[in-house]
Protein backbone atom coordinates (compact mmCIF):
# COMPACT_ATOMS: atom_id res chain seq x y z
CA MET A 1 44.31 -93.17 102.70
CA LYS A 2 44.19 -93.34 106.51
CA LYS A 3 40.06 -93.23 106.03
CA GLN A 4 40.08 -95.82 103.28
CA ALA A 5 42.43 -98.25 105.52
CA VAL A 6 39.79 -97.63 108.55
CA LEU A 7 37.05 -98.63 106.17
CA LEU A 8 38.58 -101.77 104.98
CA ALA A 9 39.47 -102.87 108.36
CA ALA A 10 35.99 -102.23 109.72
CA LEU A 11 34.73 -104.19 106.51
CA ALA A 12 36.86 -106.91 107.36
CA ALA A 13 35.59 -107.13 110.99
CA ALA A 14 32.76 -107.24 109.81
CA GLY A 15 33.19 -109.82 107.48
CA MET A 16 34.82 -111.71 110.36
CA ALA A 17 31.62 -111.20 112.44
CA SER A 18 29.39 -113.06 109.73
CA ALA A 19 31.46 -115.94 109.55
CA GLN A 20 31.09 -116.16 113.03
CA GLU A 21 27.36 -115.79 112.69
CA VAL A 22 26.77 -119.37 110.77
CA VAL A 23 26.23 -122.28 112.73
CA ARG A 24 27.94 -125.33 111.23
CA ILE A 25 25.66 -128.51 111.94
CA GLY A 26 27.36 -131.69 110.79
CA HIS A 27 25.23 -134.92 109.32
CA ALA A 28 26.56 -137.85 107.88
CA ALA A 29 24.76 -141.26 107.17
CA ALA A 30 24.83 -143.75 104.17
CA VAL A 31 23.15 -141.81 101.11
CA THR A 32 24.51 -144.17 98.99
CA GLY A 33 24.65 -147.61 98.51
CA PRO A 34 21.76 -150.36 99.73
CA VAL A 35 20.41 -148.27 103.09
CA ALA A 36 20.89 -145.21 101.48
CA TYR A 37 16.95 -144.70 102.01
CA PHE A 38 18.17 -144.74 105.54
CA GLY A 39 20.39 -142.07 105.10
CA LYS A 40 18.85 -139.79 103.60
CA ASP A 41 15.84 -140.02 105.92
CA THR A 42 17.71 -138.50 108.52
CA GLU A 43 19.53 -136.01 106.31
CA ASN A 44 15.82 -134.53 105.35
CA GLY A 45 15.29 -134.79 109.07
CA ALA A 46 18.36 -132.72 109.85
CA ARG A 47 17.68 -130.16 107.25
CA MET A 48 13.91 -129.82 107.72
CA ALA A 49 15.43 -128.60 111.61
CA VAL A 50 17.87 -126.34 109.87
CA GLU A 51 15.20 -124.78 107.50
CA ALA A 52 12.63 -124.31 110.95
CA LEU A 53 15.54 -122.60 112.98
CA ASN A 54 16.18 -120.29 110.09
CA ALA A 55 12.58 -119.17 109.37
CA LYS A 56 12.60 -118.58 113.43
CA GLY A 57 15.09 -116.90 113.16
CA VAL A 58 17.13 -117.55 116.26
CA THR A 59 19.42 -114.97 118.25
CA ILE A 60 22.06 -116.91 120.83
CA GLY A 61 23.98 -114.87 123.21
CA GLY A 62 22.38 -111.56 121.53
CA ARG A 63 23.48 -112.31 118.13
CA LYS A 64 21.64 -113.46 115.11
CA VAL A 65 22.76 -116.50 113.41
CA THR A 66 22.13 -118.74 110.86
CA PHE A 67 22.11 -122.47 110.88
CA GLN A 68 24.17 -124.50 107.90
CA LEU A 69 23.72 -128.01 107.58
CA LEU A 70 27.01 -129.89 106.14
CA ALA A 71 26.13 -133.19 104.87
CA GLU A 72 28.12 -135.88 104.22
CA ASP A 73 28.04 -139.69 102.83
CA ASP A 74 30.16 -141.90 105.22
CA ALA A 75 28.26 -145.45 102.88
CA GLY A 76 27.80 -147.19 105.84
CA ASP A 77 31.39 -147.92 105.57
CA PRO A 78 33.53 -147.30 109.05
CA LYS A 79 36.77 -146.54 107.20
CA GLN A 80 35.08 -144.08 105.28
CA ALA A 81 32.91 -142.32 108.34
CA THR A 82 36.25 -141.80 109.76
CA SER A 83 37.40 -139.70 107.07
CA VAL A 84 34.06 -138.05 106.40
CA ALA A 85 34.41 -137.19 110.17
CA GLN A 86 37.44 -135.51 110.22
CA LYS A 87 36.37 -133.46 107.35
CA LEU A 88 34.15 -132.19 109.12
CA ALA A 89 35.72 -131.81 112.00
CA ASP A 90 38.68 -129.90 110.06
CA ALA A 91 35.69 -127.63 108.65
CA LYS A 92 34.88 -126.48 112.34
CA ILE A 93 31.58 -127.73 112.76
CA HIS A 94 30.04 -126.76 116.16
CA GLY A 95 28.08 -129.93 116.09
CA MET A 96 27.14 -133.61 114.84
CA VAL A 97 24.22 -135.44 114.37
CA GLY A 98 24.96 -139.05 113.44
CA HIS A 99 26.24 -141.07 111.85
CA GLU A 100 23.43 -143.60 111.05
CA THR A 101 24.56 -147.26 112.10
CA SER A 102 26.45 -148.02 115.26
CA GLY A 103 29.30 -149.58 113.06
CA THR A 104 30.21 -146.29 111.94
CA THR A 105 28.85 -143.66 114.53
CA ILE A 106 31.06 -145.80 117.10
CA PRO A 107 34.66 -144.69 115.00
CA ALA A 108 33.74 -141.50 113.80
CA SER A 109 32.58 -140.90 117.74
CA LYS A 110 36.88 -141.07 118.36
CA ILE A 111 37.58 -138.09 115.70
CA TYR A 112 34.62 -135.98 117.10
CA HIS A 113 35.65 -136.29 120.46
CA ALA A 114 39.04 -135.29 119.98
CA ALA A 115 38.18 -131.97 118.75
CA GLY A 116 35.46 -131.36 121.33
CA ILE A 117 32.82 -131.57 119.14
CA PRO A 118 28.87 -132.44 120.48
CA GLN A 119 27.85 -135.73 118.07
CA ILE A 120 23.99 -136.58 118.65
CA SER A 121 23.23 -139.99 116.85
CA PRO A 122 19.77 -140.23 115.92
CA SER A 123 19.58 -144.10 115.15
CA SER A 124 22.82 -145.62 115.90
CA THR A 125 22.01 -148.44 119.36
CA SER A 126 24.99 -149.93 120.02
CA PRO A 127 25.59 -149.42 123.80
CA LYS A 128 29.39 -149.50 123.22
CA TYR A 129 28.88 -146.09 121.59
CA THR A 130 28.22 -144.07 124.71
CA GLN A 131 30.29 -146.72 127.15
CA GLN A 132 33.37 -144.93 125.54
CA GLY A 133 33.99 -142.67 128.05
CA PHE A 134 33.26 -139.74 126.01
CA ASN A 135 31.60 -136.69 127.09
CA THR A 136 30.51 -135.35 123.87
CA THR A 137 28.48 -138.26 123.04
CA PHE A 138 24.73 -138.54 122.95
CA ARG A 139 22.08 -140.23 121.91
CA VAL A 140 18.20 -139.47 121.34
CA VAL A 141 16.91 -143.28 120.94
CA ALA A 142 17.07 -146.34 123.08
CA ASN A 143 20.01 -148.66 122.98
CA ASP A 144 20.21 -152.69 122.10
CA VAL A 145 19.87 -153.65 125.40
CA GLN A 146 16.09 -151.83 125.82
CA LEU A 147 15.90 -152.85 122.42
CA GLY A 148 16.74 -156.69 122.64
CA GLN A 149 14.73 -156.67 126.14
CA ALA A 150 11.24 -155.17 124.77
CA LEU A 151 11.50 -157.74 121.45
CA GLY A 152 12.22 -160.56 123.61
CA ARG A 153 9.28 -159.96 126.16
CA TYR A 154 7.03 -159.21 123.16
CA ALA A 155 8.33 -162.68 120.91
CA ILE A 156 7.32 -164.91 124.24
CA GLY A 157 4.45 -163.06 125.47
CA GLU A 158 2.68 -162.03 122.39
CA MET A 159 4.02 -164.52 119.86
CA LYS A 160 4.02 -167.30 121.81
CA ALA A 161 7.40 -168.51 120.23
CA ARG A 162 9.62 -170.96 121.97
CA ARG A 163 12.20 -171.93 119.13
CA VAL A 164 14.24 -169.53 117.62
CA ALA A 165 16.68 -169.44 115.40
CA VAL A 166 19.13 -166.29 115.64
CA VAL A 167 20.77 -164.44 112.37
CA ASP A 168 23.16 -161.06 112.52
CA ASP A 169 25.26 -159.62 109.81
CA ARG A 170 28.05 -159.40 112.41
CA THR A 171 27.74 -155.87 112.62
CA ALA A 172 28.20 -153.91 115.57
CA TYR A 173 24.49 -152.98 115.18
CA GLY A 174 23.24 -156.40 113.81
CA GLN A 175 25.43 -158.83 116.35
CA GLY A 176 25.07 -156.44 119.24
CA LEU A 177 21.00 -156.45 118.80
CA ALA A 178 20.98 -160.20 118.02
CA MET A 179 23.09 -160.95 121.30
CA GLU A 180 20.82 -158.58 123.52
CA PHE A 181 17.55 -160.01 122.18
CA SER A 182 18.97 -163.84 122.73
CA ARG A 183 19.78 -162.99 125.99
CA SER A 184 16.22 -161.46 127.15
CA LEU A 185 14.57 -164.64 124.92
CA GLN A 186 16.52 -167.29 126.95
CA LYS A 187 15.66 -165.26 130.62
CA GLN A 188 11.90 -165.79 129.76
CA GLY A 189 12.61 -169.54 128.90
CA GLY A 190 12.70 -169.33 125.49
CA ALA A 191 15.45 -171.54 123.32
CA VAL A 192 17.68 -169.89 120.58
CA VAL A 193 18.02 -173.17 118.48
CA ALA A 194 20.42 -172.52 115.85
CA LYS A 195 23.05 -169.71 115.54
CA GLU A 196 23.85 -168.25 112.12
CA PHE A 197 25.52 -165.38 110.54
CA THR A 198 26.24 -163.73 107.25
CA ASN A 199 27.26 -159.97 106.60
CA ASP A 200 25.83 -157.36 105.50
CA LYS A 201 26.49 -157.39 101.50
CA ALA A 202 25.90 -161.18 101.13
CA THR A 203 22.99 -161.72 98.56
CA ASP A 204 22.84 -165.94 99.00
CA PHE A 205 21.07 -167.56 102.07
CA SER A 206 20.31 -170.65 100.88
CA ALA A 207 23.32 -172.63 102.94
CA ILE A 208 21.68 -170.33 105.69
CA ILE A 209 18.15 -170.96 105.81
CA THR A 210 18.70 -174.64 105.07
CA ARG A 211 20.11 -175.15 108.18
CA ILE A 212 17.74 -173.15 110.33
CA ARG A 213 15.11 -174.96 108.29
CA ALA A 214 16.16 -178.24 110.10
CA SER A 215 15.98 -176.31 113.47
CA LYS A 216 12.35 -176.05 113.17
CA PRO A 217 11.83 -172.93 114.91
CA ASP A 218 8.86 -170.60 114.89
CA LEU A 219 10.32 -167.77 114.43
CA VAL A 220 13.45 -166.23 113.16
CA PHE A 221 15.05 -163.32 114.79
CA PHE A 222 17.62 -160.97 112.16
CA GLY A 223 19.96 -158.85 113.60
CA GLY A 224 20.84 -156.66 110.69
CA MET A 225 19.56 -154.28 108.24
CA SER A 226 16.48 -154.72 105.32
CA ALA A 227 18.40 -154.60 102.55
CA THR A 228 19.61 -158.31 104.15
CA ALA A 229 16.45 -159.32 105.49
CA GLY A 230 14.07 -158.66 102.41
CA PRO A 231 16.65 -161.04 100.01
CA MET A 232 16.51 -163.55 103.11
CA LEU A 233 12.70 -163.32 103.23
CA ARG A 234 12.43 -164.31 99.88
CA GLN A 235 14.68 -166.89 99.38
CA MET A 236 13.15 -168.32 102.62
CA LYS A 237 9.74 -168.39 100.80
CA GLN A 238 11.35 -169.84 97.53
CA LEU A 239 12.53 -173.20 100.07
CA GLY A 240 9.58 -173.58 102.07
CA MET A 241 10.01 -171.79 105.03
CA ASN A 242 7.26 -169.98 106.23
CA VAL A 243 8.63 -168.54 109.12
CA ARG A 244 7.59 -165.51 111.27
CA MET A 245 11.28 -162.80 111.36
CA MET A 246 11.25 -160.77 113.80
CA GLY A 247 14.22 -157.27 114.09
CA GLY A 248 14.86 -154.01 115.27
CA ASP A 249 14.63 -150.68 113.68
CA GLY A 250 17.32 -151.75 110.64
CA ILE A 251 14.60 -153.81 108.91
CA CYS A 252 11.60 -151.33 110.33
CA SER A 253 11.40 -150.09 107.44
CA ASP A 254 8.31 -150.28 104.31
CA GLU A 255 11.49 -151.10 101.76
CA ILE A 256 11.74 -154.43 103.54
CA HIS A 257 8.27 -155.86 101.06
CA LYS A 258 9.78 -154.59 98.29
CA LEU A 259 13.03 -155.97 99.08
CA SER A 260 11.82 -159.14 99.93
CA GLY A 261 9.91 -158.93 96.02
CA GLY A 262 6.24 -158.44 97.32
CA THR A 263 6.94 -162.31 98.95
CA MET A 264 6.54 -161.17 102.66
CA GLN A 265 3.08 -161.62 104.02
CA ASP A 266 0.98 -159.49 106.59
CA GLY A 267 2.03 -160.26 110.30
CA GLN A 268 5.18 -162.19 108.81
CA VAL A 269 7.40 -159.36 110.18
CA VAL A 270 7.59 -157.72 113.73
CA CYS A 271 10.34 -155.14 114.01
CA ALA A 272 10.46 -152.44 116.89
CA GLU A 273 11.57 -148.61 116.17
CA ALA A 274 14.21 -147.57 119.43
CA GLY A 275 11.69 -144.60 120.36
CA GLY A 276 8.24 -143.53 119.97
CA VAL A 277 5.17 -141.66 121.53
CA GLN A 278 2.16 -142.01 122.62
CA GLY A 279 -1.33 -140.30 123.35
CA GLU A 280 -1.28 -136.95 122.66
CA ALA A 281 2.05 -136.59 122.37
CA ARG A 282 1.75 -138.27 119.12
CA ALA A 283 -0.18 -135.22 117.47
CA ALA A 284 3.69 -133.37 117.05
CA LEU A 285 5.19 -136.36 115.60
CA ASP A 286 1.97 -136.72 113.18
CA LYS A 287 2.70 -133.63 111.97
CA PHE A 288 6.22 -133.49 111.70
CA ARG A 289 5.72 -136.77 109.28
CA ALA A 290 2.63 -134.40 107.18
CA ASP A 291 5.63 -131.98 106.77
CA TYR A 292 8.27 -134.00 105.78
CA ARG A 293 6.27 -135.87 102.94
CA LYS A 294 5.05 -132.36 102.02
CA ARG A 295 8.74 -131.18 101.66
CA PHE A 296 10.37 -134.47 100.32
CA GLY A 297 7.65 -136.06 98.67
CA VAL A 298 8.02 -139.15 100.33
CA ASP A 299 7.20 -140.77 103.49
CA VAL A 300 9.27 -140.88 107.14
CA GLN A 301 11.66 -144.12 106.82
CA ILE A 302 12.23 -144.41 111.00
CA ASN A 303 14.57 -141.99 112.27
CA ALA A 304 14.17 -138.48 110.39
CA PRO A 305 12.19 -137.10 113.34
CA TYR A 306 15.05 -137.84 115.60
CA ALA A 307 17.62 -136.01 113.19
CA TYR A 308 15.26 -133.47 113.73
CA ASP A 309 14.98 -132.95 117.08
CA ALA A 310 18.89 -133.93 117.24
CA VAL A 311 19.27 -130.84 115.54
CA MET A 312 16.82 -129.24 118.01
CA THR A 313 18.34 -130.00 121.06
CA MET A 314 21.78 -128.81 120.66
CA ALA A 315 20.22 -125.25 118.67
CA GLU A 316 18.59 -125.18 122.45
CA ALA A 317 21.28 -126.01 124.50
CA MET A 318 23.63 -123.41 122.56
CA VAL A 319 20.74 -120.94 123.07
CA LYS A 320 21.02 -121.34 127.00
CA ALA A 321 24.52 -121.56 126.96
CA GLY A 322 24.41 -117.70 125.04
CA SER A 323 27.11 -119.74 122.77
CA TRP A 324 27.19 -121.99 119.80
CA GLN A 325 30.89 -122.43 120.45
CA PRO A 326 31.13 -126.59 121.49
CA ALA A 327 33.01 -126.06 125.03
CA LYS A 328 30.46 -123.54 126.45
CA TYR A 329 27.36 -125.33 125.59
CA LEU A 330 28.35 -128.79 126.02
CA PRO A 331 27.85 -128.77 129.51
CA VAL A 332 24.24 -127.44 129.24
CA LEU A 333 23.36 -129.63 126.67
CA ALA A 334 24.51 -132.74 129.07
CA ARG A 335 22.29 -131.98 131.21
CA ILE A 336 19.29 -130.41 128.73
CA GLN A 337 15.24 -131.05 129.01
CA HIS A 338 14.61 -130.64 125.37
CA LYS A 339 10.68 -131.35 124.42
CA GLY A 340 11.05 -133.21 121.18
CA VAL A 341 8.44 -134.42 118.24
CA THR A 342 9.35 -138.03 119.41
CA GLY A 343 9.32 -137.11 123.13
CA PRO A 344 11.00 -135.42 126.18
CA ILE A 345 14.81 -135.65 125.54
CA ALA A 346 17.24 -135.58 128.46
CA PHE A 347 20.52 -137.45 128.65
CA ASP A 348 21.63 -139.68 131.24
CA ALA A 349 25.47 -139.64 132.57
CA ARG A 350 27.07 -141.53 129.77
CA GLY A 351 24.88 -139.58 127.29
CA ASP A 352 22.04 -142.33 126.39
CA ILE A 353 18.39 -140.60 125.75
CA LYS A 354 16.67 -141.16 129.83
CA ASP A 355 13.44 -143.74 129.79
CA GLY A 356 13.77 -144.11 126.62
CA THR A 357 10.52 -146.15 124.82
CA ILE A 358 10.61 -148.65 122.00
CA THR A 359 7.76 -148.90 119.64
CA LEU A 360 6.93 -152.62 117.77
CA TYR A 361 5.76 -152.55 114.27
CA GLY A 362 4.08 -155.11 112.32
CA PHE A 363 3.26 -155.05 108.46
CA LYS A 364 -0.07 -154.87 106.85
CA GLY A 365 -0.13 -154.07 103.17
CA GLY A 366 3.44 -153.62 102.72
CA LYS A 367 2.94 -151.15 105.39
CA ARG A 368 4.01 -150.65 108.68
CA SER A 369 1.36 -150.95 111.09
CA LEU A 370 1.64 -149.80 115.15
CA LEU A 371 1.42 -152.53 117.52
CA THR A 372 2.43 -151.05 120.71
CA VAL A 373 4.49 -148.62 122.22
CA THR A 374 6.57 -149.92 125.40
CA LYS A 375 9.61 -149.45 127.91
């Protein structure tokens, strides 16, 4: 009986050790709803990283570990995002990648911070996210201030726009980006001739377009997502308003052409991705895109490589710290220098990426076409 008890105790201990060797990475985004293609994109990117880590075999603190992705759907809704965040915190995840939008990332970040869980967003750009004083918040993309400045410079310098109508969807992302763009535009001598807002679930923009048309703009700036911008472009065409549109990474998807009902013309839309690489560094990103298509049968939307890098950056911090426990690897993550497929990753004191780049795209034949990479 004594030998049996010892054996059972040994087996129980082995089981506990095995459980401790699973590193749980959380991911949350909208994988249902009008922008599900963005959420699935980042989830796929995170999944590719987990699969790559497990295929390689990772040892942390002298122990072999298996990475596990716990993926949740926040539907792009702030309330659902906080519920998802609490669920993941209760599941004792060791790190969090997400959420997708600023409107979901900001409220969720309070829960991860309270639980002491490091969080890296692969797509949220609102400055407020990293201005809360939380030592657990990081992002691997540029923020709205950088995006707005780059878009404003391009609108004035390259597109020769002077009279701009600004529309936003009242979300944390859309409103913040529109504000930063307007500041940049006006600083460089441009004028905001109309200011309108809608919401991210709206489908009828006729009243807004009619008012904008009366102001005779040579560019419409939209702060929001392609699920709204696409139908807006279609209705602009129907109302005889053939004017260019500019926006941030929220509209920087090939889906916008489909959502416009095919009415979007070549060169009509310019958008910016809150990141990007150029020169020799593009080889790693191009390989990732090819591997992604092979793995999932679709092209990268926009943020999958940033989600991939978020997981990899977190894993490197764990390896260097010799622990996957948040309290132990968090200080290492804060000063990490990771070479990612999206370029070098290091964070400033707030958790923003250092020296973030901006990539501007146009569209040709319904597909994104690279214009320039800037800072």
